[in-house]
């Protein structure tokens, strides 16, 4: 048995209760990779924004809760 190089997809036909497990095709795998890259970028941007926010709060000597009270 060969090792799968691409993620698997499960297709479940609710009418017949048939379940098919198969490897992603090239188009599905390309979309999967694009989605993974987009998620990584979004996570990095969110982490950078959180770090910037924390740096500003540290400069001002405020906690996140105190800042919420001021801006709320």
N, C-alpha and C. Protein backbone atom coordinates (compact mmCIF):
# COMPACT_ATOMS: atom_id res chain seq x y z
N UNK A 1 0.85 -1.18 0.00
CA UNK A 1 0.00 0.00 0.00
C UNK A 1 0.89 1.24 0.00
N UNK A 2 0.59 2.20 -0.88
CA UNK A 2 1.39 3.42 -0.97
C UNK A 2 0.87 4.46 0.00
N UNK A 3 1.78 5.31 0.44
CA UNK A 3 1.40 6.38 1.36
C UNK A 3 0.78 7.53 0.60
N UNK A 4 -0.30 8.05 1.12
CA UNK A 4 -1.00 9.18 0.51
C UNK A 4 -0.17 10.45 0.65
N UNK A 5 -0.08 11.22 -0.42
CA UNK A 5 0.67 12.47 -0.36
C UNK A 5 -0.25 13.67 -0.24
N UNK A 6 -1.53 13.48 -0.49
CA UNK A 6 -2.50 14.57 -0.40
C UNK A 6 -3.52 14.23 0.68
N UNK A 7 -4.15 15.26 1.26
CA UNK A 7 -5.19 15.00 2.26
C UNK A 7 -6.35 14.21 1.65
N UNK A 8 -7.06 13.55 2.53
CA UNK A 8 -8.19 12.74 2.10
C UNK A 8 -9.48 13.55 2.18
N UNK A 9 -10.43 13.17 1.34
CA UNK A 9 -11.78 13.76 1.34
C UNK A 9 -12.76 12.64 1.62
N UNK A 10 -13.75 12.93 2.45
CA UNK A 10 -14.82 11.97 2.71
C UNK A 10 -16.10 12.53 2.10
N UNK A 11 -16.71 11.71 1.27
CA UNK A 11 -17.98 12.06 0.63
C UNK A 11 -19.03 11.12 1.20
N UNK A 12 -20.09 11.69 1.76
CA UNK A 12 -21.15 10.89 2.37
C UNK A 12 -22.45 11.20 1.66
N UNK A 13 -23.00 10.20 1.00
CA UNK A 13 -24.29 10.33 0.34
C UNK A 13 -25.34 10.02 1.39
N UNK A 14 -26.08 11.05 1.82
CA UNK A 14 -27.05 10.89 2.89
C UNK A 14 -28.24 10.03 2.46
N UNK A 15 -28.55 10.01 1.17
CA UNK A 15 -29.68 9.22 0.70
C UNK A 15 -29.39 7.72 0.74
N UNK A 16 -28.19 7.34 0.30
CA UNK A 16 -27.84 5.91 0.23
C UNK A 16 -26.97 5.47 1.39
N UNK A 17 -26.50 6.42 2.18
CA UNK A 17 -25.57 6.20 3.29
C UNK A 17 -24.23 5.65 2.81
N UNK A 18 -23.92 5.85 1.53
CA UNK A 18 -22.63 5.43 0.98
C UNK A 18 -21.56 6.43 1.39
N UNK A 19 -20.42 5.93 1.80
CA UNK A 19 -19.29 6.78 2.20
C UNK A 19 -18.10 6.44 1.31
N UNK A 20 -17.54 7.48 0.71
CA UNK A 20 -16.37 7.30 -0.14
C UNK A 20 -15.24 8.15 0.43
N UNK A 21 -14.11 7.51 0.72
CA UNK A 21 -12.90 8.22 1.15
C UNK A 21 -11.93 8.17 -0.03
N UNK A 22 -11.42 9.35 -0.40
CA UNK A 22 -10.48 9.39 -1.51
C UNK A 22 -9.49 10.53 -1.31
N UNK A 23 -8.39 10.46 -2.01
CA UNK A 23 -7.37 11.50 -1.98
C UNK A 23 -7.88 12.70 -2.79
N UNK A 24 -7.51 13.90 -2.36
CA UNK A 24 -7.88 15.11 -3.11
C UNK A 24 -7.32 15.03 -4.52
N UNK A 25 -8.09 15.57 -5.48
CA UNK A 25 -7.54 15.67 -6.84
C UNK A 25 -6.67 16.93 -6.91
N UNK A 26 -6.05 17.17 -8.04
CA UNK A 26 -5.12 18.30 -8.16
C UNK A 26 -5.78 19.65 -7.90
N UNK A 27 -6.98 19.85 -8.43
CA UNK A 27 -7.67 21.14 -8.24
C UNK A 27 -8.05 21.34 -6.77
N UNK A 28 -8.55 20.30 -6.13
CA UNK A 28 -8.92 20.39 -4.72
C UNK A 28 -7.69 20.64 -3.85
N UNK A 29 -6.58 19.98 -4.20
CA UNK A 29 -5.36 20.15 -3.43
C UNK A 29 -4.79 21.55 -3.59
N UNK A 30 -4.87 22.10 -4.80
CA UNK A 30 -4.40 23.48 -5.04
C UNK A 30 -5.23 24.46 -4.21
N UNK A 31 -6.54 24.26 -4.16
CA UNK A 31 -7.41 25.13 -3.37
C UNK A 31 -7.11 24.97 -1.88
N UNK A 32 -6.88 23.75 -1.46
CA UNK A 32 -6.53 23.46 -0.07
C UNK A 32 -5.26 24.21 0.33
N UNK A 33 -4.24 24.15 -0.54
CA UNK A 33 -2.98 24.84 -0.26
C UNK A 33 -3.19 26.35 -0.22
N UNK A 34 -3.99 26.89 -1.14
CA UNK A 34 -4.27 28.32 -1.15
C UNK A 34 -5.00 28.73 0.14
N UNK A 35 -5.95 27.91 0.57
CA UNK A 35 -6.68 28.20 1.80
C UNK A 35 -5.75 28.16 3.01
N UNK A 36 -4.84 27.18 3.05
CA UNK A 36 -3.89 27.08 4.15
C UNK A 36 -2.99 28.31 4.20
N UNK A 37 -2.53 28.77 3.04
CA UNK A 37 -1.67 29.96 2.97
C UNK A 37 -2.43 31.20 3.43
N UNK A 38 -3.68 31.33 2.99
CA UNK A 38 -4.49 32.49 3.39
C UNK A 38 -4.73 32.48 4.90
N UNK A 39 -4.98 31.31 5.46
CA UNK A 39 -5.18 31.22 6.91
C UNK A 39 -3.90 31.58 7.67
N UNK A 40 -2.77 31.16 7.16
CA UNK A 40 -1.49 31.48 7.81
C UNK A 40 -1.23 32.99 7.78
N UNK A 41 -1.54 33.62 6.66
CA UNK A 41 -1.37 35.07 6.54
C UNK A 41 -2.30 35.79 7.50
N UNK A 42 -3.56 35.37 7.54
CA UNK A 42 -4.54 36.00 8.44
C UNK A 42 -4.11 35.85 9.89
N UNK A 43 -3.59 34.68 10.26
CA UNK A 43 -3.15 34.45 11.63
C UNK A 43 -1.95 35.34 11.96
N UNK A 44 -1.01 35.45 11.05
CA UNK A 44 0.17 36.29 11.27
C UNK A 44 -0.23 37.76 11.41
N UNK A 45 -1.18 38.20 10.58
CA UNK A 45 -1.64 39.59 10.66
C UNK A 45 -2.34 39.85 11.99
N UNK A 46 -3.16 38.91 12.43
CA UNK A 46 -3.86 39.06 13.71
C UNK A 46 -2.88 39.10 14.87
N UNK A 47 -1.87 38.25 14.81
CA UNK A 47 -0.85 38.23 15.88
C UNK A 47 -0.05 39.53 15.89
N UNK A 48 0.28 40.06 14.72
CA UNK A 48 1.02 41.32 14.63
C UNK A 48 0.18 42.47 15.19
N UNK A 49 -1.11 42.47 14.85
CA UNK A 49 -2.01 43.52 15.34
C UNK A 49 -2.14 43.44 16.86
N UNK A 50 -2.24 42.23 17.40
CA UNK A 50 -2.35 42.06 18.85
C UNK A 50 -1.06 42.53 19.54
N UNK A 51 0.08 42.25 18.93
CA UNK A 51 1.35 42.68 19.51
C UNK A 51 1.46 44.20 19.50
N UNK A 52 1.01 44.83 18.41
CA UNK A 52 1.03 46.29 18.33
C UNK A 52 0.10 46.89 19.39
N UNK A 53 -1.07 46.30 19.52
CA UNK A 53 -2.04 46.78 20.52
C UNK A 53 -1.44 46.67 21.92
N UNK A 54 -0.80 45.53 22.20
CA UNK A 54 -0.21 45.34 23.52
C UNK A 54 0.95 46.31 23.76
N UNK A 55 1.73 46.60 22.73
CA UNK A 55 2.83 47.55 22.86
C UNK A 55 2.32 48.95 23.22
N UNK A 56 1.22 49.34 22.60
CA UNK A 56 0.63 50.65 22.91
C UNK A 56 0.11 50.68 24.34
N UNK A 57 -0.58 49.61 24.73
CA UNK A 57 -1.09 49.55 26.10
C UNK A 57 0.06 49.58 27.11
N UNK A 58 1.14 48.87 26.81
CA UNK A 58 2.30 48.88 27.71
C UNK A 58 2.91 50.28 27.82
N UNK A 59 2.99 50.99 26.68
CA UNK A 59 3.52 52.36 26.70
C UNK A 59 2.68 53.28 27.57
N UNK A 60 1.36 53.08 27.47
CA UNK A 60 0.44 53.92 28.24
C UNK A 60 0.28 53.44 29.68
N UNK A 61 0.76 52.23 29.96
CA UNK A 61 0.62 51.70 31.32
C UNK A 61 -0.80 51.27 31.62
N UNK A 62 -1.53 50.81 30.59
CA UNK A 62 -2.92 50.40 30.77
C UNK A 62 -3.07 48.90 30.53
N UNK A 63 -4.09 48.34 31.17
CA UNK A 63 -4.46 46.97 30.86
C UNK A 63 -5.50 47.00 29.73
N UNK A 64 -5.76 45.86 29.13
CA UNK A 64 -6.76 45.78 28.07
C UNK A 64 -8.13 46.17 28.60
N UNK A 65 -8.45 45.78 29.83
CA UNK A 65 -9.74 46.14 30.43
C UNK A 65 -9.86 47.64 30.65
N UNK A 66 -8.78 48.26 31.09
CA UNK A 66 -8.81 49.72 31.29
C UNK A 66 -8.98 50.45 29.96
N UNK A 67 -8.33 49.98 28.93
CA UNK A 67 -8.47 50.59 27.61
C UNK A 67 -9.91 50.45 27.11
N UNK A 68 -10.51 49.29 27.33
CA UNK A 68 -11.92 49.08 26.93
C UNK A 68 -12.84 50.06 27.64
N UNK A 69 -12.58 50.29 28.93
CA UNK A 69 -13.39 51.24 29.67
C UNK A 69 -13.26 52.65 29.10
N UNK A 70 -12.05 53.04 28.74
CA UNK A 70 -11.83 54.37 28.18
C UNK A 70 -12.50 54.54 26.81
N UNK A 71 -12.44 53.49 26.01
CA UNK A 71 -12.94 53.58 24.64
C UNK A 71 -14.41 53.15 24.51
N UNK A 72 -14.93 52.52 25.53
CA UNK A 72 -16.25 51.91 25.48
C UNK A 72 -17.36 52.85 25.54
